[in-house]
N, C-alpha and C. Protein backbone atom coordinates (compact mmCIF):
# COMPACT_ATOMS: atom_id res chain seq x y z
N UNK A 1 -137.59 -77.45 73.31
CA UNK A 1 -136.55 -77.43 74.30
C UNK A 1 -135.88 -76.06 74.36
N UNK A 2 -135.56 -75.49 73.23
CA UNK A 2 -134.83 -74.23 73.19
C UNK A 2 -135.64 -73.10 73.81
N UNK A 3 -136.92 -73.07 73.55
CA UNK A 3 -137.74 -71.97 74.07
C UNK A 3 -137.90 -72.03 75.60
N UNK A 4 -137.61 -73.18 76.20
CA UNK A 4 -137.79 -73.35 77.64
C UNK A 4 -136.62 -72.89 78.49
N UNK A 5 -135.43 -72.73 77.88
CA UNK A 5 -134.23 -72.41 78.64
C UNK A 5 -133.54 -71.18 78.06
N UNK A 6 -133.00 -70.34 78.93
CA UNK A 6 -132.28 -69.15 78.47
C UNK A 6 -130.87 -69.48 78.00
N UNK A 7 -130.25 -70.47 78.64
CA UNK A 7 -128.88 -70.87 78.32
C UNK A 7 -128.86 -72.38 78.13
N UNK A 8 -128.23 -72.82 77.04
CA UNK A 8 -128.05 -74.24 76.78
C UNK A 8 -126.56 -74.49 76.65
N UNK A 9 -126.02 -75.37 77.48
CA UNK A 9 -124.61 -75.75 77.43
C UNK A 9 -124.54 -77.15 76.85
N UNK A 10 -123.69 -77.33 75.85
CA UNK A 10 -123.61 -78.61 75.17
C UNK A 10 -122.16 -78.98 74.95
N UNK A 11 -121.87 -80.27 75.13
CA UNK A 11 -120.51 -80.78 74.91
C UNK A 11 -120.36 -81.20 73.46
N UNK A 12 -119.24 -80.81 72.88
CA UNK A 12 -118.97 -81.17 71.48
C UNK A 12 -117.56 -81.71 71.35
N UNK A 13 -117.32 -82.43 70.27
CA UNK A 13 -116.00 -82.98 70.01
C UNK A 13 -115.13 -82.07 69.19
N UNK A 14 -115.70 -81.03 68.58
CA UNK A 14 -114.94 -80.07 67.78
C UNK A 14 -115.57 -78.69 67.98
N UNK A 15 -114.92 -77.66 67.49
CA UNK A 15 -115.45 -76.30 67.64
C UNK A 15 -116.78 -76.16 66.93
N UNK A 16 -117.66 -75.35 67.48
CA UNK A 16 -118.99 -75.13 66.88
C UNK A 16 -118.89 -74.58 65.46
N UNK A 17 -117.87 -73.78 65.20
CA UNK A 17 -117.76 -73.12 63.90
C UNK A 17 -116.98 -73.94 62.87
N UNK A 18 -116.39 -75.07 63.28
CA UNK A 18 -115.63 -75.90 62.34
C UNK A 18 -116.57 -76.75 61.51
N UNK A 19 -116.14 -77.03 60.29
CA UNK A 19 -116.88 -77.97 59.45
C UNK A 19 -116.38 -79.37 59.76
N UNK A 20 -117.28 -80.33 59.88
CA UNK A 20 -116.87 -81.70 60.19
C UNK A 20 -116.28 -82.39 58.97
N UNK A 21 -115.52 -83.47 59.16
CA UNK A 21 -115.02 -84.24 58.02
C UNK A 21 -116.19 -84.87 57.27
N UNK A 22 -116.10 -84.92 55.96
CA UNK A 22 -117.22 -85.40 55.14
C UNK A 22 -117.42 -86.90 55.22
N UNK A 23 -116.43 -87.65 55.65
CA UNK A 23 -116.52 -89.10 55.62
C UNK A 23 -117.20 -89.70 56.85
N UNK A 24 -117.43 -88.94 57.88
CA UNK A 24 -117.99 -89.47 59.12
C UNK A 24 -119.45 -89.04 59.26
N UNK A 25 -120.36 -89.98 59.02
CA UNK A 25 -121.79 -89.64 59.04
C UNK A 25 -122.29 -89.24 60.42
N UNK A 26 -121.75 -89.87 61.47
CA UNK A 26 -122.22 -89.52 62.81
C UNK A 26 -121.82 -88.09 63.15
N UNK A 27 -120.62 -87.69 62.73
CA UNK A 27 -120.18 -86.32 62.97
C UNK A 27 -121.01 -85.34 62.15
N UNK A 28 -121.33 -85.73 60.92
CA UNK A 28 -122.17 -84.88 60.08
C UNK A 28 -123.57 -84.72 60.68
N UNK A 29 -124.13 -85.82 61.17
CA UNK A 29 -125.46 -85.75 61.78
C UNK A 29 -125.43 -84.86 63.03
N UNK A 30 -124.40 -85.01 63.84
CA UNK A 30 -124.26 -84.20 65.05
C UNK A 30 -124.11 -82.72 64.67
N UNK A 31 -123.33 -82.45 63.64
CA UNK A 31 -123.13 -81.07 63.20
C UNK A 31 -124.43 -80.46 62.68
N UNK A 32 -125.24 -81.26 62.01
CA UNK A 32 -126.53 -80.79 61.54
C UNK A 32 -127.44 -80.46 62.73
N UNK A 33 -127.43 -81.34 63.73
CA UNK A 33 -128.20 -81.07 64.95
C UNK A 33 -127.73 -79.78 65.60
N UNK A 34 -126.41 -79.58 65.72
CA UNK A 34 -125.87 -78.36 66.32
C UNK A 34 -126.27 -77.12 65.53
N UNK A 35 -126.24 -77.22 64.21
CA UNK A 35 -126.62 -76.08 63.38
C UNK A 35 -128.09 -75.71 63.62
N UNK A 36 -128.95 -76.71 63.70
CA UNK A 36 -130.37 -76.45 63.96
C UNK A 36 -130.58 -75.90 65.36
N UNK A 37 -129.84 -76.43 66.32
CA UNK A 37 -129.94 -75.95 67.69
C UNK A 37 -129.48 -74.50 67.79
N UNK A 38 -128.40 -74.17 67.11
CA UNK A 38 -127.90 -72.79 67.10
C UNK A 38 -128.91 -71.86 66.44
N UNK A 39 -129.49 -72.28 65.34
CA UNK A 39 -130.50 -71.49 64.65
C UNK A 39 -131.69 -71.21 65.56
N UNK A 40 -132.20 -72.27 66.22
CA UNK A 40 -133.34 -72.09 67.12
C UNK A 40 -132.99 -71.19 68.30
N UNK A 41 -131.77 -71.34 68.83
CA UNK A 41 -131.35 -70.50 69.96
C UNK A 41 -131.33 -69.03 69.54
N UNK A 42 -130.81 -68.75 68.36
CA UNK A 42 -130.78 -67.38 67.86
C UNK A 42 -132.19 -66.87 67.60
N UNK A 43 -133.04 -67.71 67.06
CA UNK A 43 -134.42 -67.35 66.76
C UNK A 43 -135.17 -66.92 68.03
N UNK A 44 -134.99 -67.67 69.10
CA UNK A 44 -135.68 -67.38 70.36
C UNK A 44 -134.91 -66.41 71.26
N UNK A 45 -133.74 -65.96 70.81
CA UNK A 45 -132.95 -65.03 71.62
C UNK A 45 -132.29 -65.71 72.82
N UNK A 46 -131.98 -66.99 72.67
CA UNK A 46 -131.37 -67.76 73.74
C UNK A 46 -129.87 -67.90 73.47
N UNK A 47 -129.16 -68.44 74.44
CA UNK A 47 -127.71 -68.55 74.33
C UNK A 47 -127.30 -70.02 74.30
N UNK A 48 -126.49 -70.38 73.30
CA UNK A 48 -125.95 -71.72 73.16
C UNK A 48 -124.45 -71.65 73.43
N UNK A 49 -123.98 -72.40 74.42
CA UNK A 49 -122.57 -72.40 74.77
C UNK A 49 -122.02 -73.79 74.49
N UNK A 50 -121.01 -73.87 73.63
CA UNK A 50 -120.38 -75.12 73.27
C UNK A 50 -119.15 -75.34 74.13
N UNK A 51 -119.06 -76.51 74.74
CA UNK A 51 -117.93 -76.88 75.57
C UNK A 51 -117.22 -78.04 74.88
N UNK A 52 -115.93 -77.91 74.64
CA UNK A 52 -115.18 -78.98 73.99
C UNK A 52 -114.96 -80.14 74.94
N UNK A 53 -115.00 -81.34 74.39
CA UNK A 53 -114.82 -82.55 75.19
C UNK A 53 -113.51 -82.54 75.95
N UNK A 54 -112.46 -82.02 75.32
CA UNK A 54 -111.14 -82.00 75.96
C UNK A 54 -111.15 -81.18 77.25
N UNK A 55 -111.93 -80.11 77.27
CA UNK A 55 -112.02 -79.28 78.47
C UNK A 55 -112.60 -80.07 79.63
N UNK A 56 -113.57 -80.91 79.36
CA UNK A 56 -114.21 -81.69 80.40
C UNK A 56 -113.32 -82.85 80.83
N UNK A 57 -112.69 -83.50 79.87
CA UNK A 57 -111.83 -84.65 80.17
C UNK A 57 -110.71 -84.27 81.14
N UNK A 58 -110.13 -83.08 80.95
CA UNK A 58 -109.03 -82.68 81.81
C UNK A 58 -109.50 -82.38 83.23
N UNK A 59 -110.77 -82.03 83.40
CA UNK A 59 -111.29 -81.72 84.73
C UNK A 59 -111.77 -82.94 85.49
N UNK A 60 -112.07 -84.03 84.79
CA UNK A 60 -112.56 -85.23 85.46
C UNK A 60 -111.39 -86.11 85.88
N UNK A 61 -111.39 -86.52 87.12
CA UNK A 61 -110.37 -87.46 87.57
C UNK A 61 -110.79 -88.87 87.18
N UNK A 62 -109.92 -89.83 87.36
CA UNK A 62 -110.25 -91.21 87.00
C UNK A 62 -111.45 -91.71 87.78
N UNK A 63 -111.50 -91.43 89.07
CA UNK A 63 -112.63 -91.90 89.88
C UNK A 63 -113.93 -91.24 89.44
N UNK A 64 -113.87 -89.98 89.05
CA UNK A 64 -115.07 -89.30 88.60
C UNK A 64 -115.54 -89.83 87.26
N UNK A 65 -114.61 -90.31 86.45
CA UNK A 65 -115.00 -90.78 85.12
C UNK A 65 -115.62 -92.17 85.16
N UNK A 66 -115.54 -92.86 86.30
CA UNK A 66 -116.13 -94.19 86.38
C UNK A 66 -117.41 -94.23 87.21
N UNK A 67 -117.46 -93.49 88.31
CA UNK A 67 -118.64 -93.49 89.18
C UNK A 67 -119.51 -92.27 88.89
N UNK A 68 -120.78 -92.49 88.66
CA UNK A 68 -121.72 -91.40 88.37
C UNK A 68 -121.22 -90.53 87.22
N UNK A 69 -120.64 -91.16 86.23
CA UNK A 69 -119.95 -90.41 85.18
C UNK A 69 -120.86 -89.46 84.40
N UNK A 70 -122.06 -89.89 84.06
CA UNK A 70 -122.95 -89.03 83.28
C UNK A 70 -123.37 -87.80 84.07
N UNK A 71 -123.71 -88.01 85.33
CA UNK A 71 -124.12 -86.90 86.19
C UNK A 71 -122.97 -85.91 86.37
N UNK A 72 -121.79 -86.42 86.70
CA UNK A 72 -120.64 -85.54 86.94
C UNK A 72 -120.22 -84.82 85.66
N UNK A 73 -120.27 -85.52 84.55
CA UNK A 73 -119.92 -84.91 83.27
C UNK A 73 -120.90 -83.78 82.95
N UNK A 74 -122.19 -84.02 83.14
CA UNK A 74 -123.20 -82.98 82.89
C UNK A 74 -123.00 -81.78 83.80
N UNK A 75 -122.67 -82.05 85.05
CA UNK A 75 -122.43 -80.98 86.01
C UNK A 75 -121.22 -80.14 85.59
N UNK A 76 -120.15 -80.80 85.13
CA UNK A 76 -118.95 -80.08 84.67
C UNK A 76 -119.25 -79.24 83.43
N UNK A 77 -120.05 -79.78 82.52
CA UNK A 77 -120.42 -79.04 81.31
C UNK A 77 -121.20 -77.78 81.69
N UNK A 78 -122.15 -77.92 82.60
CA UNK A 78 -122.94 -76.77 83.04
C UNK A 78 -122.04 -75.74 83.74
N UNK A 79 -121.17 -76.19 84.65
CA UNK A 79 -120.27 -75.28 85.36
C UNK A 79 -119.37 -74.54 84.38
N UNK A 80 -118.79 -75.27 83.43
CA UNK A 80 -117.90 -74.66 82.45
C UNK A 80 -118.66 -73.68 81.58
N UNK A 81 -119.85 -74.05 81.15
CA UNK A 81 -120.67 -73.17 80.31
C UNK A 81 -121.05 -71.89 81.03
N UNK A 82 -121.45 -72.00 82.27
CA UNK A 82 -121.83 -70.81 83.03
C UNK A 82 -120.63 -69.92 83.31
N UNK A 83 -119.46 -70.52 83.53
CA UNK A 83 -118.26 -69.70 83.74
C UNK A 83 -117.86 -68.99 82.45
N UNK A 84 -118.05 -69.64 81.30
CA UNK A 84 -117.78 -68.99 80.02
C UNK A 84 -118.74 -67.83 79.79
N UNK A 85 -119.98 -68.03 80.20
CA UNK A 85 -121.01 -67.01 80.03
C UNK A 85 -120.67 -65.76 80.83
N UNK A 86 -120.13 -65.94 82.03
CA UNK A 86 -119.78 -64.81 82.88
C UNK A 86 -118.61 -64.02 82.31
N UNK A 87 -117.73 -64.67 81.55
CA UNK A 87 -116.56 -63.96 81.00
C UNK A 87 -116.87 -63.26 79.70
N UNK A 88 -118.04 -63.51 79.11
CA UNK A 88 -118.39 -62.87 77.83
C UNK A 88 -118.78 -61.43 78.01
């Protein structure tokens, strides 16, 4: 997957550089996935942009969060990621 795309935008619940709490296995598993994804992105010279969940939640209205929610959420993540990329 990483070698196929130049930019990967991903939604996360905490900062990419933060260590997750040790008691939550799902958070630990997600953090391990993110670490591997970041490693692969660096290996292939690709860009990984992390978008915090709170950033997306504030942009989605109630109607957007119920109808076509996955599509709209993905679209917002991509838009936010690309706008972050332009400011770097």
